[in-house]
Amino acid sequence: MKSGYLNLKEQKKILWEETDQVIWKDGILTIDLKNNKLMQLNAEKSFAKTFDSKAFNIWCERKKHHSAE
């Protein structure tokens, strides 16, 4: 299966296979990497208020699951 990437503002790309967990909560995107690095990115308040965090977290779990196959 083709690898997917998380695109970050700094143009750094992270393979889904490099992540242990990706979670959006309270306007913060947390990326837990398998190499014991943790990244946290704050969203703009106006965006965070309208963002569907539940749907995003479900999508991330599915994406991670499919990239492991």
PDB file of N, CA and C in Angstrom:
ATOM      1  N   MET A   1       0.842  -1.186   0.000  1.00  0.00           N
ATOM      2  CA  MET A   1       0.000   0.000   0.000  1.00  0.00           C
ATOM      3  C   MET A   1       0.881   1.241   0.000  1.00  0.00           C
ATOM      4  N   LYS A   2       0.454   2.242  -0.706  1.00  0.00           N
ATOM      5  CA  LYS A   2       1.188   3.495  -0.808  1.00  0.00           C
ATOM      6  C   LYS A   2       1.188   4.227   0.535  1.00  0.00           C
ATOM      7  N   SER A   3       2.331   4.791   0.910  1.00  0.00           N
ATOM      8  CA  SER A   3       2.445   5.508   2.181  1.00  0.00           C
ATOM      9  C   SER A   3       1.797   6.869   2.086  1.00  0.00           C
ATOM     10  N   GLY A   4       1.154   7.275   3.179  1.00  0.00           N
ATOM     11  CA  GLY A   4       0.589   8.609   3.275  1.00  0.00           C
ATOM     12  C   GLY A   4       1.458   9.468   4.179  1.00  0.00           C
ATOM     13  N   TYR A   5       1.296  10.760   4.075  1.00  0.00           N
ATOM     14  CA  TYR A   5       2.090  11.683   4.863  1.00  0.00           C
ATOM     15  C   TYR A   5       1.188  12.624   5.645  1.00  0.00           C
ATOM     16  N   LEU A   6       1.706  13.091   6.775  1.00  0.00           N
ATOM     17  CA  LEU A   6       1.111  14.214   7.477  1.00  0.00           C
ATOM     18  C   LEU A   6       1.878  15.439   7.019  1.00  0.00           C
ATOM     19  N   ASN A   7       1.200  16.437   6.495  1.00  0.00           N
ATOM     20  CA  ASN A   7       1.877  17.645   6.040  1.00  0.00           C
ATOM     21  C   ASN A   7       1.801  18.705   7.130  1.00  0.00           C
ATOM     22  N   LEU A   8       2.943  19.196   7.541  1.00  0.00           N
ATOM     23  CA  LEU A   8       3.024  20.193   8.588  1.00  0.00           C
ATOM     24  C   LEU A   8       3.381  21.547   7.988  1.00  0.00           C
ATOM     25  N   LYS A   9       3.092  22.598   8.712  1.00  0.00           N
ATOM     26  CA  LYS A   9       3.343  23.957   8.253  1.00  0.00           C
ATOM     27  C   LYS A   9       4.796  24.163   7.818  1.00  0.00           C
ATOM     28  N   GLU A  10       5.724  23.561   8.523  1.00  0.00           N
ATOM     29  CA  GLU A  10       7.138  23.713   8.210  1.00  0.00           C
ATOM     30  C   GLU A  10       7.558  22.863   7.015  1.00  0.00           C
ATOM     31  N   GLN A  11       6.616  22.239   6.339  1.00  0.00           N
ATOM     32  CA  GLN A  11       6.868  21.390   5.185  1.00  0.00           C
ATOM     33  C   GLN A  11       7.621  20.117   5.531  1.00  0.00           C
ATOM     34  N   LYS A  12       7.669  19.767   6.787  1.00  0.00           N
ATOM     35  CA  LYS A  12       8.259  18.496   7.177  1.00  0.00           C
ATOM     36  C   LYS A  12       7.199  17.418   6.959  1.00  0.00           C
ATOM     37  N   LYS A  13       7.622  16.314   6.403  1.00  0.00           N
ATOM     38  CA  LYS A  13       6.686  15.217   6.163  1.00  0.00           C
ATOM     39  C   LYS A  13       7.013  14.067   7.093  1.00  0.00           C
ATOM     40  N   ILE A  14       5.954  13.504   7.640  1.00  0.00           N
ATOM     41  CA  ILE A  14       6.082  12.372   8.559  1.00  0.00           C
ATOM     42  C   ILE A  14       5.274  11.222   7.969  1.00  0.00           C
ATOM     43  N   LEU A  15       5.894  10.086   7.819  1.00  0.00           N
ATOM     44  CA  LEU A  15       5.162   8.902   7.356  1.00  0.00           C
ATOM     45  C   LEU A  15       4.202   8.443   8.446  1.00  0.00           C
ATOM     46  N   TRP A  16       3.046   7.976   8.044  1.00  0.00           N
ATOM     47  CA  TRP A  16       2.097   7.440   9.015  1.00  0.00           C
ATOM     48  C   TRP A  16       2.749   6.286   9.783  1.00  0.00           C
ATOM     49  N   GLU A  17       3.583   5.530   9.107  1.00  0.00           N
ATOM     50  CA  GLU A  17       4.237   4.391   9.745  1.00  0.00           C
ATOM     51  C   GLU A  17       5.190   4.815  10.872  1.00  0.00           C
ATOM     52  N   GLU A  18       5.586   6.083  10.889  1.00  0.00           N
ATOM     53  CA  GLU A  18       6.474   6.593  11.927  1.00  0.00           C
ATOM     54  C   GLU A  18       5.725   7.022  13.187  1.00  0.00           C
ATOM     55  N   THR A  19       4.406   7.023  13.129  1.00  0.00           N
ATOM     56  CA  THR A  19       3.615   7.510  14.262  1.00  0.00           C
ATOM     57  C   THR A  19       3.090   6.373  15.124  1.00  0.00           C
ATOM     58  N   ASP A  20       3.013   6.663  16.413  1.00  0.00           N
ATOM     59  CA  ASP A  20       2.312   5.764  17.329  1.00  0.00           C
ATOM     60  C   ASP A  20       0.871   6.216  17.476  1.00  0.00           C
ATOM     61  N   GLN A  21       0.677   7.547  17.523  1.00  0.00           N
ATOM     62  CA  GLN A  21      -0.663   8.080  17.725  1.00  0.00           C
ATOM     63  C   GLN A  21      -0.726   9.516  17.219  1.00  0.00           C
ATOM     64  N   VAL A  22      -1.874   9.878  16.658  1.00  0.00           N
ATOM     65  CA  VAL A  22      -2.140  11.245  16.225  1.00  0.00           C
ATOM     66  C   VAL A  22      -3.497  11.619  16.796  1.00  0.00           C
ATOM     67  N   ILE A  23      -3.541  12.704  17.579  1.00  0.00           N
ATOM     68  CA  ILE A  23      -4.778  13.099  18.261  1.00  0.00           C
ATOM     69  C   ILE A  23      -4.976  14.606  18.156  1.00  0.00           C
ATOM     70  N   TRP A  24      -6.227  14.993  17.949  1.00  0.00           N
ATOM     71  CA  TRP A  24      -6.618  16.399  17.988  1.00  0.00           C
ATOM     72  C   TRP A  24      -7.500  16.574  19.214  1.00  0.00           C
ATOM     73  N   LYS A  25      -7.100  17.452  20.133  1.00  0.00           N
ATOM     74  CA  LYS A  25      -7.912  17.709  21.322  1.00  0.00           C
ATOM     75  C   LYS A  25      -7.687  19.137  21.792  1.00  0.00           C
ATOM     76  N   ASP A  26      -8.769  19.830  22.063  1.00  0.00           N
ATOM     77  CA  ASP A  26      -8.733  21.191  22.606  1.00  0.00           C
ATOM     78  C   ASP A  26      -7.879  22.136  21.771  1.00  0.00           C
ATOM     79  N   GLY A  27      -7.956  22.000  20.444  1.00  0.00           N
ATOM     80  CA  GLY A  27      -7.238  22.895  19.558  1.00  0.00           C
ATOM     81  C   GLY A  27      -5.758  22.589  19.404  1.00  0.00           C
ATOM     82  N   ILE A  28      -5.351  21.425  19.877  1.00  0.00           N
ATOM     83  CA  ILE A  28      -3.942  21.038  19.792  1.00  0.00           C
ATOM     84  C   ILE A  28      -3.830  19.716  19.041  1.00  0.00           C
ATOM     85  N   LEU A  29      -2.980  19.706  18.029  1.00  0.00           N
ATOM     86  CA  LEU A  29      -2.672  18.479  17.304  1.00  0.00           C
ATOM     87  C   LEU A  29      -1.444  17.863  17.957  1.00  0.00           C
ATOM     88  N   THR A  30      -1.580  16.643  18.445  1.00  0.00           N
ATOM     89  CA  THR A  30      -0.468  15.940  19.073  1.00  0.00           C
ATOM     90  C   THR A  30      -0.080  14.761  18.204  1.00  0.00           C
ATOM     91  N   ILE A  31       1.200  14.690  17.886  1.00  0.00           N
ATOM     92  CA  ILE A  31       1.741  13.599  17.083  1.00  0.00           C
ATOM     93  C   ILE A  31       2.796  12.894  17.923  1.00  0.00           C
ATOM     94  N   ASP A  32       2.504  11.665  18.272  1.00  0.00           N
ATOM     95  CA  ASP A  32       3.416  10.845  19.067  1.00  0.00           C
ATOM     96  C   ASP A  32       4.151   9.920  18.100  1.00  0.00           C
ATOM     97  N   LEU A  33       5.471  10.103  18.005  1.00  0.00           N
ATOM     98  CA  LEU A  33       6.267   9.328  17.065  1.00  0.00           C
ATOM     99  C   LEU A  33       6.894   8.102  17.726  1.00  0.00           C
ATOM    100  N   LYS A  34       7.148   7.087  16.940  1.00  0.00           N
ATOM    101  CA  LYS A  34       7.749   5.857  17.451  1.00  0.00           C
ATOM    102  C   LYS A  34       9.168   6.059  17.965  1.00  0.00           C
ATOM    103  N   ASN A  35       9.844   7.130  17.545  1.00  0.00           N
ATOM    104  CA  ASN A  35      11.206   7.387  18.003  1.00  0.00           C
ATOM    105  C   ASN A  35      11.231   8.194  19.310  1.00  0.00           C
ATOM    106  N   ASN A  36      10.119   8.192  20.036  1.00  0.00           N
ATOM    107  CA  ASN A  36       9.954   8.871  21.329  1.00  0.00           C
ATOM    108  C   ASN A  36       9.920  10.384  21.234  1.00  0.00           C
ATOM    109  N   LYS A  37       9.697  10.934  20.056  1.00  0.00           N
ATOM    110  CA  LYS A  37       9.508  12.379  19.915  1.00  0.00           C
ATOM    111  C   LYS A  37       8.015  12.664  19.960  1.00  0.00           C
ATOM    112  N   LEU A  38       7.685  13.802  20.539  1.00  0.00           N
ATOM    113  CA  LEU A  38       6.302  14.225  20.650  1.00  0.00           C
ATOM    114  C   LEU A  38       6.206  15.621  20.051  1.00  0.00           C
ATOM    115  N   MET A  39       5.265  15.804  19.130  1.00  0.00           N
ATOM    116  CA  MET A  39       5.063  17.111  18.509  1.00  0.00           C
ATOM    117  C   MET A  39       3.681  17.605  18.882  1.00  0.00           C
ATOM    118  N   GLN A  40       3.582  18.881  19.235  1.00  0.00           N
ATOM    119  CA  GLN A  40       2.281  19.477  19.511  1.00  0.00           C
ATOM    120  C   GLN A  40       2.192  20.795  18.765  1.00  0.00           C
ATOM    121  N   LEU A  41       1.099  20.958  18.043  1.00  0.00           N
ATOM    122  CA  LEU A  41       0.875  22.144  17.232  1.00  0.00           C
ATOM    123  C   LEU A  41      -0.446  22.777  17.628  1.00  0.00           C
ATOM    124  N   ASN A  42      -0.433  24.064  17.908  1.00  0.00           N
ATOM    125  CA  ASN A  42      -1.652  24.791  18.269  1.00  0.00           C
ATOM    126  C   ASN A  42      -2.340  25.301  17.012  1.00  0.00           C
ATOM    127  N   ALA A  43      -3.659  25.212  17.002  1.00  0.00           N
ATOM    128  CA  ALA A  43      -4.450  25.725  15.890  1.00  0.00           C
ATOM    129  C   ALA A  43      -4.963  27.119  16.252  1.00  0.00           C
ATOM    130  N   GLU A  44      -5.270  27.892  15.227  1.00  0.00           N
ATOM    131  CA  GLU A  44      -5.891  29.185  15.462  1.00  0.00           C
ATOM    132  C   GLU A  44      -7.245  28.948  16.118  1.00  0.00           C
ATOM    133  N   LYS A  45      -7.618  29.800  17.059  1.00  0.00           N
ATOM    134  CA  LYS A  45      -8.851  29.607  17.825  1.00  0.00           C
ATOM    135  C   LYS A  45     -10.085  29.547  16.939  1.00  0.00           C
ATOM    136  N   SER A  46     -10.150  30.380  15.915  1.00  0.00           N
ATOM    137  CA  SER A  46     -11.328  30.383  15.044  1.00  0.00           C
ATOM    138  C   SER A  46     -11.466  29.057  14.300  1.00  0.00           C
ATOM    139  N   PHE A  47     -10.348  28.479  13.901  1.00  0.00           N
ATOM    140  CA  PHE A  47     -10.366  27.176  13.232  1.00  0.00           C
ATOM    141  C   PHE A  47     -10.714  26.075  14.222  1.00  0.00           C
ATOM    142  N   ALA A  48     -10.099  26.102  15.388  1.00  0.00           N
ATOM    143  CA  ALA A  48     -10.294  25.055  16.393  1.00  0.00           C
ATOM    144  C   ALA A  48     -11.749  24.962  16.836  1.00  0.00           C
ATOM    145  N   LYS A  49     -12.447  26.083  16.883  1.00  0.00           N
ATOM    146  CA  LYS A  49     -13.853  26.087  17.326  1.00  0.00           C
ATOM    147  C   LYS A  49     -14.767  25.350  16.361  1.00  0.00           C
ATOM    148  N   THR A  50     -14.440  25.379  15.081  1.00  0.00           N
ATOM    149  CA  THR A  50     -15.318  24.773  14.080  1.00  0.00           C
ATOM    150  C   THR A  50     -14.823  23.412  13.597  1.00  0.00           C
ATOM    151  N   PHE A  51     -13.667  23.009  14.054  1.00  0.00           N
ATOM    152  CA  PHE A  51     -13.059  21.769  13.601  1.00  0.00           C
ATOM    153  C   PHE A  51     -13.729  20.566  14.257  1.00  0.00           C
ATOM    154  N   ASP A  52     -14.011  19.534  13.468  1.00  0.00           N
ATOM    155  CA  ASP A  52     -14.649  18.318  13.981  1.00  0.00           C
ATOM    156  C   ASP A  52     -13.562  17.351  14.467  1.00  0.00           C
ATOM    157  N   SER A  53     -13.182  17.490  15.725  1.00  0.00           N
ATOM    158  CA  SER A  53     -12.078  16.696  16.273  1.00  0.00           C
ATOM    159  C   SER A  53     -12.410  15.204  16.333  1.00  0.00           C
ATOM    160  N   LYS A  54     -13.652  14.878  16.607  1.00  0.00           N
ATOM    161  CA  LYS A  54     -14.037  13.463  16.687  1.00  0.00           C
ATOM    162  C   LYS A  54     -13.850  12.781  15.327  1.00  0.00           C
ATOM    163  N   ALA A  55     -14.322  13.417  14.280  1.00  0.00           N
ATOM    164  CA  ALA A  55     -14.183  12.856  12.931  1.00  0.00           C
ATOM    165  C   ALA A  55     -12.709  12.773  12.535  1.00  0.00           C
ATOM    166  N   PHE A  56     -11.922  13.791  12.889  1.00  0.00           N
ATOM    167  CA  PHE A  56     -10.500  13.782  12.564  1.00  0.00           C
ATOM    168  C   PHE A  56      -9.783  12.634  13.270  1.00  0.00           C
ATOM    169  N   ASN A  57     -10.060  12.433  14.541  1.00  0.00           N
ATOM    170  CA  ASN A  57      -9.408  11.359  15.294  1.00  0.00           C
ATOM    171  C   ASN A  57      -9.779   9.983  14.755  1.00  0.00           C
ATOM    172  N   ILE A  58     -11.019   9.813  14.350  1.00  0.00           N
ATOM    173  CA  ILE A  58     -11.445   8.552  13.729  1.00  0.00           C
ATOM    174  C   ILE A  58     -10.720   8.357  12.403  1.00  0.00           C
ATOM    175  N   TRP A  59     -10.626   9.421  11.599  1.00  0.00           N
ATOM    176  CA  TRP A  59      -9.923   9.350  10.319  1.00  0.00           C
ATOM    177  C   TRP A  59      -8.461   8.970  10.526  1.00  0.00           C
ATOM    178  N   CYS A  60      -7.810   9.564  11.520  1.00  0.00           N
ATOM    179  CA  CYS A  60      -6.401   9.257  11.800  1.00  0.00           C
ATOM    180  C   CYS A  60      -6.218   7.792  12.179  1.00  0.00           C
ATOM    181  N   GLU A  61      -7.105   7.279  13.010  1.00  0.00           N
ATOM    182  CA  GLU A  61      -7.018   5.864  13.398  1.00  0.00           C
ATOM    183  C   GLU A  61      -7.164   4.956  12.182  1.00  0.00           C
ATOM    184  N   ARG A  62      -8.112   5.274  11.315  1.00  0.00           N
ATOM    185  CA  ARG A  62      -8.303   4.465  10.105  1.00  0.00           C
ATOM    186  C   ARG A  62      -7.092   4.562   9.180  1.00  0.00           C
ATOM    187  N   LYS A  63      -6.578   5.768   9.006  1.00  0.00           N
ATOM    188  CA  LYS A  63      -5.413   5.992   8.149  1.00  0.00           C
ATOM    189  C   LYS A  63      -4.213   5.208   8.671  1.00  0.00           C
ATOM    190  N   LYS A  64      -4.012   5.284   9.966  1.00  0.00           N
ATOM    191  CA  LYS A  64      -2.882   4.576  10.596  1.00  0.00           C
ATOM    192  C   LYS A  64      -3.058   3.060  10.427  1.00  0.00           C
ATOM    193  N   HIS A  65      -4.261   2.575  10.645  1.00  0.00           N
ATOM    194  CA  HIS A  65      -4.549   1.157  10.510  1.00  0.00           C
ATOM    195  C   HIS A  65      -4.266   0.681   9.069  1.00  0.00           C
ATOM    196  N   HIS A  66      -4.721   1.447   8.076  1.00  0.00           N
ATOM    197  CA  HIS A  66      -4.524   1.051   6.681  1.00  0.00           C
ATOM    198  C   HIS A  66      -3.083   1.148   6.251  1.00  0.00           C
ATOM    199  N   SER A  67      -2.323   2.080   6.810  1.00  0.00           N
ATOM    200  CA  SER A  67      -0.913   2.196   6.418  1.00  0.00           C
ATOM    201  C   SER A  67      -0.080   1.054   6.987  1.00  0.00           C
ATOM    202  N   ALA A  68      -0.582   0.412   8.037  1.00  0.00           N
ATOM    203  CA  ALA A  68       0.140  -0.706   8.659  1.00  0.00           C
ATOM    204  C   ALA A  68      -0.070  -1.998   7.879  1.00  0.00           C
ATOM    205  N   GLU A  69      -1.052  -2.040   7.004  1.00  0.00           N
ATOM    206  CA  GLU A  69      -1.347  -3.271   6.248  1.00  0.00           C
ATOM    207  C   GLU A  69      -0.361  -3.500   5.134  1.00  0.00           C
TER     208      GLU A  69
END
